[in-house]
Amino acid sequence: MFGLGWPEVAIIGLVGVLIFGPKKIPEIGKSLGKTLRGFKEELNNPSTDDEE
């Protein structure tokens, strides 16, 4: 996972909870997931509008 081990991921998660608070983490994850899904869809189905 991007060259990160579980200890690094745990530290990043802990810092995220400390900065944003436990109530904001699900909202941030949801919006991040939607954004990544949109990027993947655009990569798999490029539109022809940009070819002009």
PDB file of N, CA and C in Angstrom:
ATOM      1  N   MET A   1       0.843  -1.181   0.000  1.00  0.00           N
ATOM      2  CA  MET A   1       0.000   0.000   0.000  1.00  0.00           C
ATOM      3  C   MET A   1       0.884   1.238   0.000  1.00  0.00           C
ATOM      4  N   PHE A   2       1.357   1.648  -1.153  1.00  0.00           N
ATOM      5  CA  PHE A   2       2.194   2.833  -1.333  1.00  0.00           C
ATOM      6  C   PHE A   2       3.473   2.762  -0.519  1.00  0.00           C
ATOM      7  N   GLY A   3       3.950   1.572  -0.202  1.00  0.00           N
ATOM      8  CA  GLY A   3       5.171   1.421   0.555  1.00  0.00           C
ATOM      9  C   GLY A   3       5.007   1.725   2.037  1.00  0.00           C
ATOM     10  N   LEU A   4       3.766   1.786   2.511  1.00  0.00           N
ATOM     11  CA  LEU A   4       3.515   2.054   3.921  1.00  0.00           C
ATOM     12  C   LEU A   4       3.144   0.759   4.628  1.00  0.00           C
ATOM     13  N   GLY A   5       3.683   0.569   5.817  1.00  0.00           N
ATOM     14  CA  GLY A   5       3.317  -0.581   6.628  1.00  0.00           C
ATOM     15  C   GLY A   5       2.162  -0.226   7.555  1.00  0.00           C
ATOM     16  N   TRP A   6       1.694  -1.226   8.294  1.00  0.00           N
ATOM     17  CA  TRP A   6       0.568  -0.985   9.197  1.00  0.00           C
ATOM     18  C   TRP A   6       0.879   0.038  10.286  1.00  0.00           C
ATOM     19  N   PRO A   7       2.098   0.076  10.836  1.00  0.00           N
ATOM     20  CA  PRO A   7       2.363   1.105  11.851  1.00  0.00           C
ATOM     21  C   PRO A   7       2.227   2.525  11.299  1.00  0.00           C
ATOM     22  N   GLU A   8       2.697   2.732  10.072  1.00  0.00           N
ATOM     23  CA  GLU A   8       2.584   4.065   9.474  1.00  0.00           C
ATOM     24  C   GLU A   8       1.130   4.436   9.209  1.00  0.00           C
ATOM     25  N   VAL A   9       0.351   3.456   8.714  1.00  0.00           N
ATOM     26  CA  VAL A   9      -1.070   3.705   8.449  1.00  0.00           C
ATOM     27  C   VAL A   9      -1.802   4.020   9.751  1.00  0.00           C
ATOM     28  N   ALA A  10      -1.465   3.310  10.829  1.00  0.00           N
ATOM     29  CA  ALA A  10      -2.097   3.558  12.123  1.00  0.00           C
ATOM     30  C   ALA A  10      -1.765   4.958  12.634  1.00  0.00           C
ATOM     31  N   ILE A  11      -0.530   5.383  12.465  1.00  0.00           N
ATOM     32  CA  ILE A  11      -0.135   6.726  12.908  1.00  0.00           C
ATOM     33  C   ILE A  11      -0.858   7.788  12.095  1.00  0.00           C
ATOM     34  N   ILE A  12      -0.960   7.591  10.779  1.00  0.00           N
ATOM     35  CA  ILE A  12      -1.676   8.552   9.936  1.00  0.00           C
ATOM     36  C   ILE A  12      -3.142   8.619  10.348  1.00  0.00           C
ATOM     37  N   GLY A  13      -3.748   7.464  10.616  1.00  0.00           N
ATOM     38  CA  GLY A  13      -5.144   7.441  11.068  1.00  0.00           C
ATOM     39  C   GLY A  13      -5.324   8.144  12.398  1.00  0.00           C
ATOM     40  N   LEU A  14      -4.409   7.930  13.322  1.00  0.00           N
ATOM     41  CA  LEU A  14      -4.488   8.582  14.629  1.00  0.00           C
ATOM     42  C   LEU A  14      -4.361  10.093  14.498  1.00  0.00           C
ATOM     43  N   VAL A  15      -3.447  10.549  13.672  1.00  0.00           N
ATOM     44  CA  VAL A  15      -3.289  11.987  13.443  1.00  0.00           C
ATOM     45  C   VAL A  15      -4.555  12.555  12.808  1.00  0.00           C
ATOM     46  N   GLY A  16      -5.152  11.816  11.878  1.00  0.00           N
ATOM     47  CA  GLY A  16      -6.399  12.261  11.258  1.00  0.00           C
ATOM     48  C   GLY A  16      -7.516  12.411  12.270  1.00  0.00           C
ATOM     49  N   VAL A  17      -7.627  11.466  13.186  1.00  0.00           N
ATOM     50  CA  VAL A  17      -8.657  11.548  14.226  1.00  0.00           C
ATOM     51  C   VAL A  17      -8.392  12.730  15.142  1.00  0.00           C
ATOM     52  N   LEU A  18      -7.131  12.969  15.469  1.00  0.00           N
ATOM     53  CA  LEU A  18      -6.809  14.096  16.343  1.00  0.00           C
ATOM     54  C   LEU A  18      -7.093  15.436  15.673  1.00  0.00           C
ATOM     55  N   ILE A  19      -6.849  15.529  14.368  1.00  0.00           N
ATOM     56  CA  ILE A  19      -7.050  16.793  13.662  1.00  0.00           C
ATOM     57  C   ILE A  19      -8.524  17.050  13.392  1.00  0.00           C
ATOM     58  N   PHE A  20      -9.219  16.045  12.824  1.00  0.00           N
ATOM     59  CA  PHE A  20     -10.589  16.265  12.368  1.00  0.00           C
ATOM     60  C   PHE A  20     -11.643  15.862  13.384  1.00  0.00           C
ATOM     61  N   GLY A  21     -11.312  15.036  14.315  1.00  0.00           N
ATOM     62  CA  GLY A  21     -12.285  14.557  15.279  1.00  0.00           C
ATOM     63  C   GLY A  21     -12.975  13.311  14.765  1.00  0.00           C
ATOM     64  N   PRO A  22     -13.434  12.463  15.672  1.00  0.00           N
ATOM     65  CA  PRO A  22     -14.022  11.187  15.252  1.00  0.00           C
ATOM     66  C   PRO A  22     -15.339  11.326  14.492  1.00  0.00           C
ATOM     67  N   LYS A  23     -16.039  12.430  14.649  1.00  0.00           N
ATOM     68  CA  LYS A  23     -17.326  12.593  13.960  1.00  0.00           C
ATOM     69  C   LYS A  23     -17.150  12.962  12.495  1.00  0.00           C
ATOM     70  N   LYS A  24     -16.036  13.581  12.129  1.00  0.00           N
ATOM     71  CA  LYS A  24     -15.804  14.011  10.750  1.00  0.00           C
ATOM     72  C   LYS A  24     -15.173  12.922   9.884  1.00  0.00           C
ATOM     73  N   ILE A  25     -14.552  11.924  10.479  1.00  0.00           N
ATOM     74  CA  ILE A  25     -13.836  10.897   9.723  1.00  0.00           C
ATOM     75  C   ILE A  25     -14.750  10.163   8.729  1.00  0.00           C
ATOM     76  N   PRO A  26     -15.966   9.731   9.101  1.00  0.00           N
ATOM     77  CA  PRO A  26     -16.824   9.071   8.103  1.00  0.00           C
ATOM     78  C   PRO A  26     -17.193   9.974   6.932  1.00  0.00           C
ATOM     79  N   GLU A  27     -17.428  11.250   7.197  1.00  0.00           N
ATOM     80  CA  GLU A  27     -17.748  12.193   6.118  1.00  0.00           C
ATOM     81  C   GLU A  27     -16.566  12.342   5.162  1.00  0.00           C
ATOM     82  N   ILE A  28     -15.375  12.446   5.705  1.00  0.00           N
ATOM     83  CA  ILE A  28     -14.176  12.592   4.883  1.00  0.00           C
ATOM     84  C   ILE A  28     -13.955  11.330   4.054  1.00  0.00           C
ATOM     85  N   GLY A  29     -14.132  10.170   4.661  1.00  0.00           N
ATOM     86  CA  GLY A  29     -13.976   8.915   3.930  1.00  0.00           C
ATOM     87  C   GLY A  29     -14.984   8.771   2.809  1.00  0.00           C
ATOM     88  N   LYS A  30     -16.211   9.182   3.077  1.00  0.00           N
ATOM     89  CA  LYS A  30     -17.262   9.093   2.059  1.00  0.00           C
ATOM     90  C   LYS A  30     -16.948   9.993   0.869  1.00  0.00           C
ATOM     91  N   SER A  31     -16.554  11.227   1.136  1.00  0.00           N
ATOM     92  CA  SER A  31     -16.250  12.142   0.035  1.00  0.00           C
ATOM     93  C   SER A  31     -14.989  11.708  -0.714  1.00  0.00           C
ATOM     94  N   LEU A  32     -14.013  11.176  -0.016  1.00  0.00           N
ATOM     95  CA  LEU A  32     -12.808  10.670  -0.673  1.00  0.00           C
ATOM     96  C   LEU A  32     -13.140   9.480  -1.566  1.00  0.00           C
ATOM     97  N   GLY A  33     -14.002   8.598  -1.095  1.00  0.00           N
ATOM     98  CA  GLY A  33     -14.422   7.455  -1.899  1.00  0.00           C
ATOM     99  C   GLY A  33     -15.156   7.872  -3.158  1.00  0.00           C
ATOM    100  N   LYS A  34     -16.048   8.864  -3.034  1.00  0.00           N
ATOM    101  CA  LYS A  34     -16.772   9.363  -4.206  1.00  0.00           C
ATOM    102  C   LYS A  34     -15.809   9.982  -5.213  1.00  0.00           C
ATOM    103  N   THR A  35     -14.841  10.719  -4.722  1.00  0.00           N
ATOM    104  CA  THR A  35     -13.865  11.357  -5.603  1.00  0.00           C
ATOM    105  C   THR A  35     -13.032  10.317  -6.344  1.00  0.00           C
ATOM    106  N   LEU A  36     -12.530   9.324  -5.624  1.00  0.00           N
ATOM    107  CA  LEU A  36     -11.725   8.281  -6.261  1.00  0.00           C
ATOM    108  C   LEU A  36     -12.549   7.479  -7.262  1.00  0.00           C
ATOM    109  N   ARG A  37     -13.810   7.203  -6.932  1.00  0.00           N
ATOM    110  CA  ARG A  37     -14.687   6.480  -7.851  1.00  0.00           C
ATOM    111  C   ARG A  37     -14.891   7.278  -9.133  1.00  0.00           C
ATOM    112  N   GLY A  38     -15.078   8.589  -9.000  1.00  0.00           N
ATOM    113  CA  GLY A  38     -15.240   9.447 -10.173  1.00  0.00           C
ATOM    114  C   GLY A  38     -13.998   9.456 -11.046  1.00  0.00           C
ATOM    115  N   PHE A  39     -12.823   9.518 -10.427  1.00  0.00           N
ATOM    116  CA  PHE A  39     -11.576   9.479 -11.194  1.00  0.00           C
ATOM    117  C   PHE A  39     -11.441   8.159 -11.949  1.00  0.00           C
ATOM    118  N   LYS A  40     -11.756   7.047 -11.284  1.00  0.00           N
ATOM    119  CA  LYS A  40     -11.653   5.743 -11.938  1.00  0.00           C
ATOM    120  C   LYS A  40     -12.612   5.636 -13.115  1.00  0.00           C
ATOM    121  N   GLU A  41     -13.830   6.138 -12.948  1.00  0.00           N
ATOM    122  CA  GLU A  41     -14.804   6.090 -14.039  1.00  0.00           C
ATOM    123  C   GLU A  41     -14.322   6.903 -15.231  1.00  0.00           C
ATOM    124  N   GLU A  42     -13.752   8.064 -14.983  1.00  0.00           N
ATOM    125  CA  GLU A  42     -13.253   8.896 -16.078  1.00  0.00           C
ATOM    126  C   GLU A  42     -12.049   8.266 -16.767  1.00  0.00           C
ATOM    127  N   LEU A  43     -11.211   7.578 -16.016  1.00  0.00           N
ATOM    128  CA  LEU A  43     -10.062   6.906 -16.622  1.00  0.00           C
ATOM    129  C   LEU A  43     -10.503   5.734 -17.490  1.00  0.00           C
ATOM    130  N   ASN A  44     -11.547   5.033 -17.064  1.00  0.00           N
ATOM    131  CA  ASN A  44     -12.021   3.879 -17.823  1.00  0.00           C
ATOM    132  C   ASN A  44     -12.906   4.271 -18.999  1.00  0.00           C
ATOM    133  N   ASN A  45     -13.600   5.395 -18.908  1.00  0.00           N
ATOM    134  CA  ASN A  45     -14.510   5.848 -19.957  1.00  0.00           C
ATOM    135  C   ASN A  45     -14.196   7.289 -20.334  1.00  0.00           C
ATOM    136  N   PRO A  46     -13.092   7.528 -21.018  1.00  0.00           N
ATOM    137  CA  PRO A  46     -12.760   8.920 -21.357  1.00  0.00           C
ATOM    138  C   PRO A  46     -13.783   9.504 -22.331  1.00  0.00           C
ATOM    139  N   SER A  47     -14.121  10.744 -22.110  1.00  0.00           N
ATOM    140  CA  SER A  47     -15.082  11.401 -22.995  1.00  0.00           C
ATOM    141  C   SER A  47     -14.368  11.904 -24.243  1.00  0.00           C
ATOM    142  N   THR A  48     -15.126  12.107 -25.306  1.00  0.00           N
ATOM    143  CA  THR A  48     -14.545  12.573 -26.563  1.00  0.00           C
ATOM    144  C   THR A  48     -14.579  14.090 -26.663  1.00  0.00           C
ATOM    145  N   ASP A  49     -15.058  14.771 -25.634  1.00  0.00           N
ATOM    146  CA  ASP A  49     -15.147  16.227 -25.658  1.00  0.00           C
ATOM    147  C   ASP A  49     -13.772  16.890 -25.686  1.00  0.00           C
ATOM    148  N   ASP A  50     -12.770  16.244 -25.131  1.00  0.00           N
ATOM    149  CA  ASP A  50     -11.448  16.848 -25.018  1.00  0.00           C
ATOM    150  C   ASP A  50     -10.616  16.714 -26.289  1.00  0.00           C
ATOM    151  N   GLU A  51     -11.092  15.990 -27.271  1.00  0.00           N
ATOM    152  CA  GLU A  51     -10.298  15.729 -28.467  1.00  0.00           C
ATOM    153  C   GLU A  51     -10.414  16.821 -29.522  1.00  0.00           C
ATOM    154  N   GLU A  52     -11.170  17.840 -29.285  1.00  0.00           N
ATOM    155  CA  GLU A  52     -11.370  18.897 -30.293  1.00  0.00           C
ATOM    156  C   GLU A  52     -10.173  19.775 -30.450  1.00  0.00           C
TER     157      GLU A  52
END
